[in-house]
């Protein structure tokens, strides 16, 4: 049975549709940075997804080739995630997606060192004849956060975010979004196959004690 991060770490990937406080440990990711409206055809965001999955599956399928990664275990590729922000704003303005900055990420298993990541970049570059220079190895420490399962369209996220902010205020916290601690989304649904009203997205915001 392949190791499934969503099932093994439900507290990180499968929260309830009501806000909760969670401590997130440091994690390593495959990451691609970019800008612009993610819904535009040939956008940097859509290109980033292709780059991420190419490296993710190069690592996952390494077991089939000559390069054997020490400590490798079979696993399900974790879900696509994204960190989002707009310059000079704390809250996301969904009416101006053209102003988005993002870091698209996919979590790496702990056995993937920087050296193995570099091997995967080189291997994918050779096999796919593509430029993977934008792909980076990112270690991100989120720390204390509030999170909630959002069900519905991405454009309706402000409703859930408002609930999260009200919850942290009652619990004695405040949101702590900075240029280092970002609005975070984890995509549990494939938007190409699931209708907008049924999309499941984990929304996570950094917080601190008052």
Protein backbone atom coordinates (compact mmCIF):
# COMPACT_ATOMS: atom_id res chain seq x y z
CA UNK A 1 0.00 0.00 0.00
CA UNK A 2 1.49 3.32 -1.08
CA UNK A 3 1.99 5.89 1.68
CA UNK A 4 -0.66 8.62 1.30
CA UNK A 5 0.17 11.90 3.04
CA UNK A 6 -3.48 13.00 3.01
CA UNK A 7 -4.51 9.91 4.98
CA UNK A 8 -1.48 9.69 7.26
CA UNK A 9 -1.51 13.39 8.15
CA UNK A 10 -5.20 14.18 8.21
CA UNK A 11 -4.61 17.06 10.61
CA UNK A 12 -2.72 18.88 7.82
CA UNK A 13 -4.71 17.85 4.75
CA UNK A 14 -8.25 16.96 5.83
CA UNK A 15 -9.49 19.56 8.34
CA UNK A 16 -13.18 19.99 9.02
CA UNK A 17 -15.18 22.78 7.40
CA UNK A 18 -14.89 24.84 10.57
CA UNK A 19 -11.71 26.67 11.62
CA UNK A 20 -9.08 25.11 13.87
CA UNK A 21 -5.61 25.99 15.14
CA UNK A 22 -2.73 23.77 14.01
CA UNK A 23 1.05 23.75 14.34
CA UNK A 24 2.71 22.99 10.98
CA UNK A 25 6.27 21.60 11.06
CA UNK A 26 8.93 22.50 8.46
CA UNK A 27 8.39 20.70 5.14
CA UNK A 28 10.36 20.40 1.92
CA UNK A 29 8.71 21.17 -1.40
CA UNK A 30 9.20 21.23 -5.12
CA UNK A 31 8.46 24.90 -5.86
CA UNK A 32 7.94 27.27 -8.79
CA UNK A 33 7.41 31.02 -8.38
CA UNK A 34 5.43 33.25 -10.70
CA UNK A 35 2.97 36.09 -11.20
CA UNK A 36 -0.34 36.86 -12.86
CA UNK A 37 -3.91 35.62 -13.18
CA UNK A 38 -3.86 31.81 -12.78
CA UNK A 39 -6.94 31.42 -14.99
CA UNK A 40 -5.37 32.88 -18.13
CA UNK A 41 -4.39 30.40 -20.83
CA UNK A 42 -0.62 29.83 -20.97
CA UNK A 43 -0.31 31.65 -17.64
CA UNK A 44 2.83 31.30 -15.54
CA UNK A 45 0.68 29.47 -13.01
CA UNK A 46 -0.50 26.79 -15.43
CA UNK A 47 3.06 26.36 -16.69
CA UNK A 48 4.25 25.96 -13.11
CA UNK A 49 1.93 23.01 -12.54
CA UNK A 50 3.41 21.12 -15.48
CA UNK A 51 6.93 21.72 -14.18
CA UNK A 52 6.03 20.59 -10.65
CA UNK A 53 4.42 17.33 -11.69
CA UNK A 54 7.25 16.47 -14.09
CA UNK A 55 9.71 16.58 -11.20
CA UNK A 56 7.31 14.94 -8.73
CA UNK A 57 6.84 11.92 -10.99
CA UNK A 58 10.52 11.74 -11.92
CA UNK A 59 11.20 11.22 -8.21
CA UNK A 60 8.27 8.87 -7.64
CA UNK A 61 9.17 6.66 -10.62
CA UNK A 62 12.89 6.59 -9.84
CA UNK A 63 12.31 3.11 -8.39
CA UNK A 64 11.82 1.85 -11.96
CA UNK A 65 15.25 2.98 -13.16
CA UNK A 66 18.92 2.66 -12.33
CA UNK A 67 18.98 5.53 -9.84
CA UNK A 68 17.91 4.19 -6.46
CA UNK A 69 17.19 6.80 -3.79
CA UNK A 70 18.28 5.83 -0.29
CA UNK A 71 15.30 5.41 2.03
CA UNK A 72 12.80 5.40 -0.84
CA UNK A 73 9.28 4.12 -0.08
CA UNK A 74 6.29 3.94 -2.40
CA UNK A 75 3.94 6.89 -1.95
CA UNK A 76 1.09 8.83 -3.49
CA UNK A 77 2.25 12.19 -4.87
CA UNK A 78 0.90 14.77 -2.38
CA UNK A 79 -1.65 17.35 -3.53
CA UNK A 80 -0.85 20.56 -5.33
CA UNK A 81 -0.55 23.58 -3.02
CA UNK A 82 -0.04 27.29 -3.44
CA UNK A 83 1.19 30.27 -1.46
CA UNK A 84 -0.39 33.52 -2.68
CA UNK A 85 0.07 37.25 -2.09
CA UNK A 86 -0.31 40.68 -3.65
CA UNK A 87 2.13 43.53 -3.20
CA UNK A 88 1.26 45.97 -0.40
CA UNK A 89 -1.81 43.99 0.67
CA UNK A 90 -2.46 41.73 3.66
CA UNK A 91 -5.76 40.28 2.44
CA UNK A 92 -6.22 38.78 -1.02
CA UNK A 93 -8.17 40.94 -3.49
CA UNK A 94 -9.96 38.34 -5.61
CA UNK A 95 -11.18 41.01 -8.03
CA UNK A 96 -7.59 41.65 -9.19
CA UNK A 97 -6.09 38.26 -9.93
CA UNK A 98 -3.70 39.88 -12.38
CA UNK A 99 -1.81 41.18 -9.32
CA UNK A 100 -1.21 37.73 -7.84
CA UNK A 101 2.21 36.49 -6.88
CA UNK A 102 2.47 32.79 -6.13
CA UNK A 103 4.67 29.91 -5.16
CA UNK A 104 3.22 26.66 -6.49
CA UNK A 105 4.42 23.65 -4.50
CA UNK A 106 4.17 19.89 -4.08
CA UNK A 107 5.43 18.35 -0.85
CA UNK A 108 8.52 16.16 -1.04
CA UNK A 109 8.92 12.95 0.97
CA UNK A 110 11.54 13.28 3.69
CA UNK A 111 13.92 10.90 1.90
CA UNK A 112 14.38 13.43 -0.92
CA UNK A 113 17.54 15.40 -0.15
CA UNK A 114 18.71 18.45 -2.07
CA UNK A 115 21.12 16.17 -3.90
CA UNK A 116 18.33 13.82 -5.00
CA UNK A 117 16.23 16.80 -6.02
CA UNK A 118 19.09 18.06 -8.21
CA UNK A 119 19.32 14.61 -9.78
CA UNK A 120 15.58 14.73 -10.60
CA UNK A 121 15.95 18.15 -12.26
CA UNK A 122 18.81 16.87 -14.41
CA UNK A 123 16.99 13.64 -15.25
CA UNK A 124 13.75 15.40 -16.25
CA UNK A 125 15.68 17.96 -18.30
CA UNK A 126 17.35 15.19 -20.30
CA UNK A 127 14.26 13.06 -20.82
CA UNK A 128 11.71 15.79 -21.52
CA UNK A 129 14.03 18.26 -23.27
CA UNK A 130 12.48 21.07 -21.19
CA UNK A 131 13.87 23.92 -19.12
CA UNK A 132 13.41 23.25 -15.41
CA UNK A 133 15.59 26.12 -14.19
CA UNK A 134 12.58 27.77 -12.46
CA UNK A 135 12.02 24.75 -10.24
CA UNK A 136 13.55 25.00 -6.76
CA UNK A 137 13.95 22.98 -3.58
CA UNK A 138 12.06 24.95 -0.91
CA UNK A 139 12.03 24.38 2.85
CA UNK A 140 9.11 26.26 4.42
CA UNK A 141 8.23 26.53 8.10
CA UNK A 142 4.65 27.68 8.62
CA UNK A 143 4.41 27.25 12.36
CA UNK A 144 1.19 28.23 14.12
CA UNK A 145 -1.78 28.58 11.75
CA UNK A 146 -5.54 28.61 11.48
CA UNK A 147 -7.00 26.40 8.76
CA UNK A 148 -10.38 25.37 7.42
CA UNK A 149 -11.80 23.21 4.64
CA UNK A 150 -13.41 25.45 2.03
CA UNK A 151 -16.03 23.77 -0.16
CA UNK A 152 -16.97 25.71 -3.25
CA UNK A 153 -15.56 28.11 -5.81
CA UNK A 154 -12.18 29.75 -5.25
CA UNK A 155 -13.91 33.11 -5.68
CA UNK A 156 -16.05 32.32 -2.62
CA UNK A 157 -13.04 31.82 -0.35
CA UNK A 158 -13.53 35.21 1.41
CA UNK A 159 -16.58 33.77 3.19
CA UNK A 160 -14.47 31.01 4.75
CA UNK A 161 -11.61 33.40 5.48
CA UNK A 162 -14.00 35.68 7.36
CA UNK A 163 -15.02 32.72 9.54
CA UNK A 164 -11.35 31.94 10.18
CA UNK A 165 -10.58 35.50 11.23
CA UNK A 166 -13.57 35.59 13.58
CA UNK A 167 -12.49 32.28 15.11
CA UNK A 168 -8.91 33.36 15.82
CA UNK A 169 -10.12 36.57 17.45
CA UNK A 170 -12.35 34.62 19.85
CA UNK A 171 -9.54 32.14 20.61
CA UNK A 172 -7.03 34.85 21.49
CA UNK A 173 -4.98 34.91 18.28
CA UNK A 174 -4.58 37.28 15.37
CA UNK A 175 -3.64 36.61 11.77
CA UNK A 176 0.04 37.11 11.04
CA UNK A 177 0.34 37.36 7.26
CA UNK A 178 3.68 38.92 6.30
CA UNK A 179 6.12 38.74 3.39
CA UNK A 180 7.44 35.54 5.02
CA UNK A 181 4.16 34.00 6.23
CA UNK A 182 1.67 33.68 3.41
CA UNK A 183 -1.93 32.81 2.48
CA UNK A 184 -1.80 29.08 1.76
CA UNK A 185 -4.14 26.83 -0.22
CA UNK A 186 -4.08 23.04 -0.62
CA UNK A 187 -6.07 21.72 -3.58
CA UNK A 188 -7.83 18.44 -2.84
CA UNK A 189 -9.96 18.53 -6.01
CA UNK A 190 -9.07 18.63 -9.68
CA UNK A 191 -10.75 21.81 -10.95
CA UNK A 192 -10.78 20.32 -14.48
CA UNK A 193 -13.05 17.50 -13.34
CA UNK A 194 -15.02 18.83 -10.37
CA UNK A 195 -17.75 21.48 -10.55
CA UNK A 196 -16.92 24.74 -8.74
CA UNK A 197 -19.50 24.24 -5.97
CA UNK A 198 -17.90 20.90 -5.02
CA UNK A 199 -14.25 21.93 -4.97
CA UNK A 200 -12.41 21.11 -1.73
CA UNK A 201 -9.60 23.47 -0.77
CA UNK A 202 -7.75 23.72 2.53
CA UNK A 203 -7.21 27.40 3.40
CA UNK A 204 -4.47 28.15 5.91
CA UNK A 205 -3.36 31.45 7.43
CA UNK A 206 -0.49 32.07 9.85
CA UNK A 207 -1.47 33.33 13.28
CA UNK A 208 0.16 34.47 16.51
CA UNK A 209 -0.99 34.75 20.11
CA UNK A 210 -2.30 38.13 21.21
